Amino acid sequence: MRGAYVDNDNSMYVTASVRKVNMIIDSQWCDTVELVFEGVTSLTLKPSGDNYGADIYGASLFIENEIISFVDSYAEVLDCSEGDTRISAYSMCWKFKKMSEANNLGSSRAKRH
């Protein structure tokens, strides 16, 4: 994720013009998928516990109020109280990493005012 930073001269840059998150999902059943979220408005990362695997058994996408939200579990409604990994952004695109880039690029964008 890119945003505010300090350069080599210790000058602070507080503007965060591009907030981007790339998520790579590997699978034994299909090709690797890369999800790219741009204009990230929130990110909640909940890693698996010590005695659990990192398997994703379901995932959900929601579009509400021009924001796309990804949740790493099956859900019929977006519930911010649950302890799942969540990413909300103004746009999201995806691609299969092992296939032809030109034939397998998908995109979903919420309009930004």
C-alpha atoms as a PDB file:
ATOM      1  CA  MET A   1       0.000   0.000   0.000  1.00  0.00           C
ATOM      2  CA  ARG A   2       1.405   3.413  -0.940  1.00  0.00           C
ATOM      3  CA  GLY A   3       0.630   6.688   0.773  1.00  0.00           C
ATOM      4  CA  ALA A   4       2.380   9.207   2.967  1.00  0.00           C
ATOM      5  CA  TYR A   5       6.133   8.691   3.284  1.00  0.00           C
ATOM      6  CA  VAL A   6       9.485  10.265   4.227  1.00  0.00           C
ATOM      7  CA  ASP A   7      12.032  10.762   1.410  1.00  0.00           C
ATOM      8  CA  ASN A   8      15.852  10.472   1.604  1.00  0.00           C
ATOM      9  CA  ASP A   9      16.099  14.072   2.898  1.00  0.00           C
ATOM     10  CA  ASN A  10      13.664  13.257   5.740  1.00  0.00           C
ATOM     11  CA  SER A  11      10.985  15.427   4.139  1.00  0.00           C
ATOM     12  CA  MET A  12       7.469  14.224   4.947  1.00  0.00           C
ATOM     13  CA  TYR A  13       5.017  13.757   2.083  1.00  0.00           C
ATOM     14  CA  VAL A  14       1.574  13.536   3.628  1.00  0.00           C
ATOM     15  CA  THR A  15      -0.485  13.387   0.467  1.00  0.00           C
ATOM     16  CA  ALA A  16      -1.556   9.897  -0.417  1.00  0.00           C
ATOM     17  CA  SER A  17      -2.746  10.279  -3.997  1.00  0.00           C
ATOM     18  CA  VAL A  18      -2.779   6.550  -4.815  1.00  0.00           C
ATOM     19  CA  ARG A  19      -3.734   3.907  -2.293  1.00  0.00           C
ATOM     20  CA  LYS A  20      -3.371   0.500  -3.878  1.00  0.00           C
ATOM     21  CA  VAL A  21      -3.439  -3.062  -2.543  1.00  0.00           C
ATOM     22  CA  ASN A  22      -2.471  -6.143  -4.579  1.00  0.00           C
ATOM     23  CA  MET A  23      -3.702  -9.519  -3.297  1.00  0.00           C
ATOM     24  CA  ILE A  24      -2.386 -12.806  -4.732  1.00  0.00           C
ATOM     25  CA  ILE A  25      -4.576 -15.884  -4.238  1.00  0.00           C
ATOM     26  CA  ASP A  26      -3.032 -19.279  -5.028  1.00  0.00           C
ATOM     27  CA  SER A  27      -5.201 -22.336  -5.624  1.00  0.00           C
ATOM     28  CA  GLN A  28      -4.787 -26.041  -6.279  1.00  0.00           C
ATOM     29  CA  TRP A  29      -7.949 -25.993  -8.437  1.00  0.00           C
ATOM     30  CA  CYS A  30      -7.403 -23.020 -10.748  1.00  0.00           C
ATOM     31  CA  ASP A  31      -4.705 -20.583 -11.826  1.00  0.00           C
ATOM     32  CA  THR A  32      -3.370 -17.979  -9.432  1.00  0.00           C
ATOM     33  CA  VAL A  33      -5.571 -14.877  -9.252  1.00  0.00           C
ATOM     34  CA  GLU A  34      -4.316 -11.351  -8.599  1.00  0.00           C
ATOM     35  CA  LEU A  35      -6.828  -8.838  -7.223  1.00  0.00           C
ATOM     36  CA  VAL A  36      -5.854  -5.159  -7.480  1.00  0.00           C
ATOM     37  CA  PHE A  37      -7.724  -2.613  -5.366  1.00  0.00           C
ATOM     38  CA  GLU A  38      -7.185   1.092  -6.142  1.00  0.00           C
ATOM     39  CA  GLY A  39      -8.424   4.061  -4.161  1.00  0.00           C
ATOM     40  CA  VAL A  40      -8.435   1.975  -0.974  1.00  0.00           C
ATOM     41  CA  THR A  41     -10.683   3.475   1.696  1.00  0.00           C
ATOM     42  CA  SER A  42     -10.181   0.799   4.370  1.00  0.00           C
ATOM     43  CA  LEU A  43      -8.157  -2.353   4.970  1.00  0.00           C
ATOM     44  CA  THR A  44      -8.638  -4.861   7.787  1.00  0.00           C
ATOM     45  CA  LEU A  45      -6.186  -7.768   7.774  1.00  0.00           C
ATOM     46  CA  LYS A  46      -7.009 -10.746   9.996  1.00  0.00           C
ATOM     47  CA  PRO A  47      -4.409 -13.504   9.654  1.00  0.00           C
ATOM     48  CA  SER A  48      -5.246 -17.081  10.626  1.00  0.00           C
ATOM     49  CA  GLY A  49      -4.647 -18.191  14.179  1.00  0.00           C
ATOM     50  CA  ASP A  50      -1.619 -20.319  15.089  1.00  0.00           C
ATOM     51  CA  ASN A  51      -3.589 -23.573  14.938  1.00  0.00           C
ATOM     52  CA  TYR A  52      -5.407 -22.808  11.658  1.00  0.00           C
ATOM     53  CA  GLY A  53      -4.567 -22.872   7.950  1.00  0.00           C
ATOM     54  CA  ALA A  54      -4.835 -19.891   5.613  1.00  0.00           C
ATOM     55  CA  ASP A  55      -7.481 -21.514   3.397  1.00  0.00           C
ATOM     56  CA  ILE A  56     -10.195 -19.299   1.938  1.00  0.00           C
ATOM     57  CA  TYR A  57     -13.392 -21.350   1.717  1.00  0.00           C
ATOM     58  CA  GLY A  58     -15.524 -18.494   0.431  1.00  0.00           C
ATOM     59  CA  ALA A  59     -15.276 -14.858  -0.565  1.00  0.00           C
ATOM     60  CA  SER A  60     -17.787 -12.084  -1.148  1.00  0.00           C
ATOM     61  CA  LEU A  61     -17.879  -8.834  -3.111  1.00  0.00           C
ATOM     62  CA  PHE A  62     -20.247  -5.969  -2.365  1.00  0.00           C
ATOM     63  CA  ILE A  63     -20.849  -2.655  -4.114  1.00  0.00           C
ATOM     64  CA  GLU A  64     -22.473  -0.046  -1.883  1.00  0.00           C
ATOM     65  CA  ASN A  65     -22.348   3.741  -2.162  1.00  0.00           C
ATOM     66  CA  GLU A  66     -19.778   3.577  -4.997  1.00  0.00           C
ATOM     67  CA  ILE A  67     -17.387   1.477  -2.885  1.00  0.00           C
ATOM     68  CA  ILE A  68     -16.360  -2.101  -3.730  1.00  0.00           C
ATOM     69  CA  SER A  69     -15.763  -4.291  -0.668  1.00  0.00           C
ATOM     70  CA  PHE A  70     -14.059  -7.699  -0.598  1.00  0.00           C
ATOM     71  CA  VAL A  71     -14.487 -10.066   2.369  1.00  0.00           C
ATOM     72  CA  ASP A  72     -12.567 -13.348   2.657  1.00  0.00           C
ATOM     73  CA  SER A  73     -15.645 -15.345   3.709  1.00  0.00           C
ATOM     74  CA  TYR A  74     -19.097 -16.072   2.342  1.00  0.00           C
ATOM     75  CA  ALA A  75     -21.604 -13.388   3.362  1.00  0.00           C
ATOM     76  CA  GLU A  76     -25.006 -12.324   2.075  1.00  0.00           C
ATOM     77  CA  VAL A  77     -24.662  -8.816   3.549  1.00  0.00           C
ATOM     78  CA  LEU A  78     -21.613  -6.722   4.397  1.00  0.00           C
ATOM     79  CA  ASP A  79     -21.176  -6.919   8.166  1.00  0.00           C
ATOM     80  CA  CYS A  80     -18.358  -4.727   9.482  1.00  0.00           C
ATOM     81  CA  SER A  81     -18.530  -6.326  12.930  1.00  0.00           C
ATOM     82  CA  GLU A  82     -17.160  -9.696  11.788  1.00  0.00           C
ATOM     83  CA  GLY A  83     -13.472 -10.513  12.179  1.00  0.00           C
ATOM     84  CA  ASP A  84     -12.673 -11.215   8.531  1.00  0.00           C
ATOM     85  CA  THR A  85     -10.094  -9.682   6.217  1.00  0.00           C
ATOM     86  CA  ARG A  86     -11.819  -6.802   4.404  1.00  0.00           C
ATOM     87  CA  ILE A  87     -10.723  -4.377   1.695  1.00  0.00           C
ATOM     88  CA  SER A  88     -12.864  -1.458   0.506  1.00  0.00           C
ATOM     89  CA  ALA A  89     -11.863   0.630  -2.504  1.00  0.00           C
ATOM     90  CA  TYR A  90     -13.162   2.775  -5.354  1.00  0.00           C
ATOM     91  CA  SER A  91     -12.087   0.216  -7.967  1.00  0.00           C
ATOM     92  CA  MET A  92     -11.004  -3.383  -8.281  1.00  0.00           C
ATOM     93  CA  CYS A  93      -9.620  -5.407 -11.171  1.00  0.00           C
ATOM     94  CA  TRP A  94      -8.377  -8.965 -11.394  1.00  0.00           C
ATOM     95  CA  LYS A  95      -6.373 -11.244 -13.628  1.00  0.00           C
ATOM     96  CA  PHE A  96      -5.269 -14.854 -13.823  1.00  0.00           C
ATOM     97  CA  LYS A  97      -1.487 -14.917 -13.429  1.00  0.00           C
ATOM     98  CA  LYS A  98      -0.708 -18.048 -15.480  1.00  0.00           C
ATOM     99  CA  MET A  99      -2.919 -17.302 -18.487  1.00  0.00           C
ATOM    100  CA  SER A 100      -2.696 -14.725 -21.250  1.00  0.00           C
ATOM    101  CA  GLU A 101      -2.949 -11.245 -19.759  1.00  0.00           C
ATOM    102  CA  ALA A 102      -5.015  -9.909 -22.665  1.00  0.00           C
ATOM    103  CA  ASN A 103      -7.710 -12.581 -22.489  1.00  0.00           C
ATOM    104  CA  ASN A 104      -8.197 -12.770 -18.727  1.00  0.00           C
ATOM    105  CA  LEU A 105      -8.363  -9.236 -17.373  1.00  0.00           C
ATOM    106  CA  GLY A 106     -11.562  -8.325 -15.582  1.00  0.00           C
ATOM    107  CA  SER A 107     -12.531  -5.018 -14.081  1.00  0.00           C
ATOM    108  CA  SER A 108     -15.159  -3.505 -11.867  1.00  0.00           C
ATOM    109  CA  ARG A 109     -15.142   0.197 -11.115  1.00  0.00           C
ATOM    110  CA  ALA A 110     -17.389   2.313  -8.962  1.00  0.00           C
ATOM    111  CA  LYS A 111     -17.868   5.850 -10.222  1.00  0.00           C
ATOM    112  CA  ARG A 112     -16.134   8.469  -8.136  1.00  0.00           C
ATOM    113  CA  HIS A 113     -17.596  11.969  -7.742  1.00  0.00           C
END
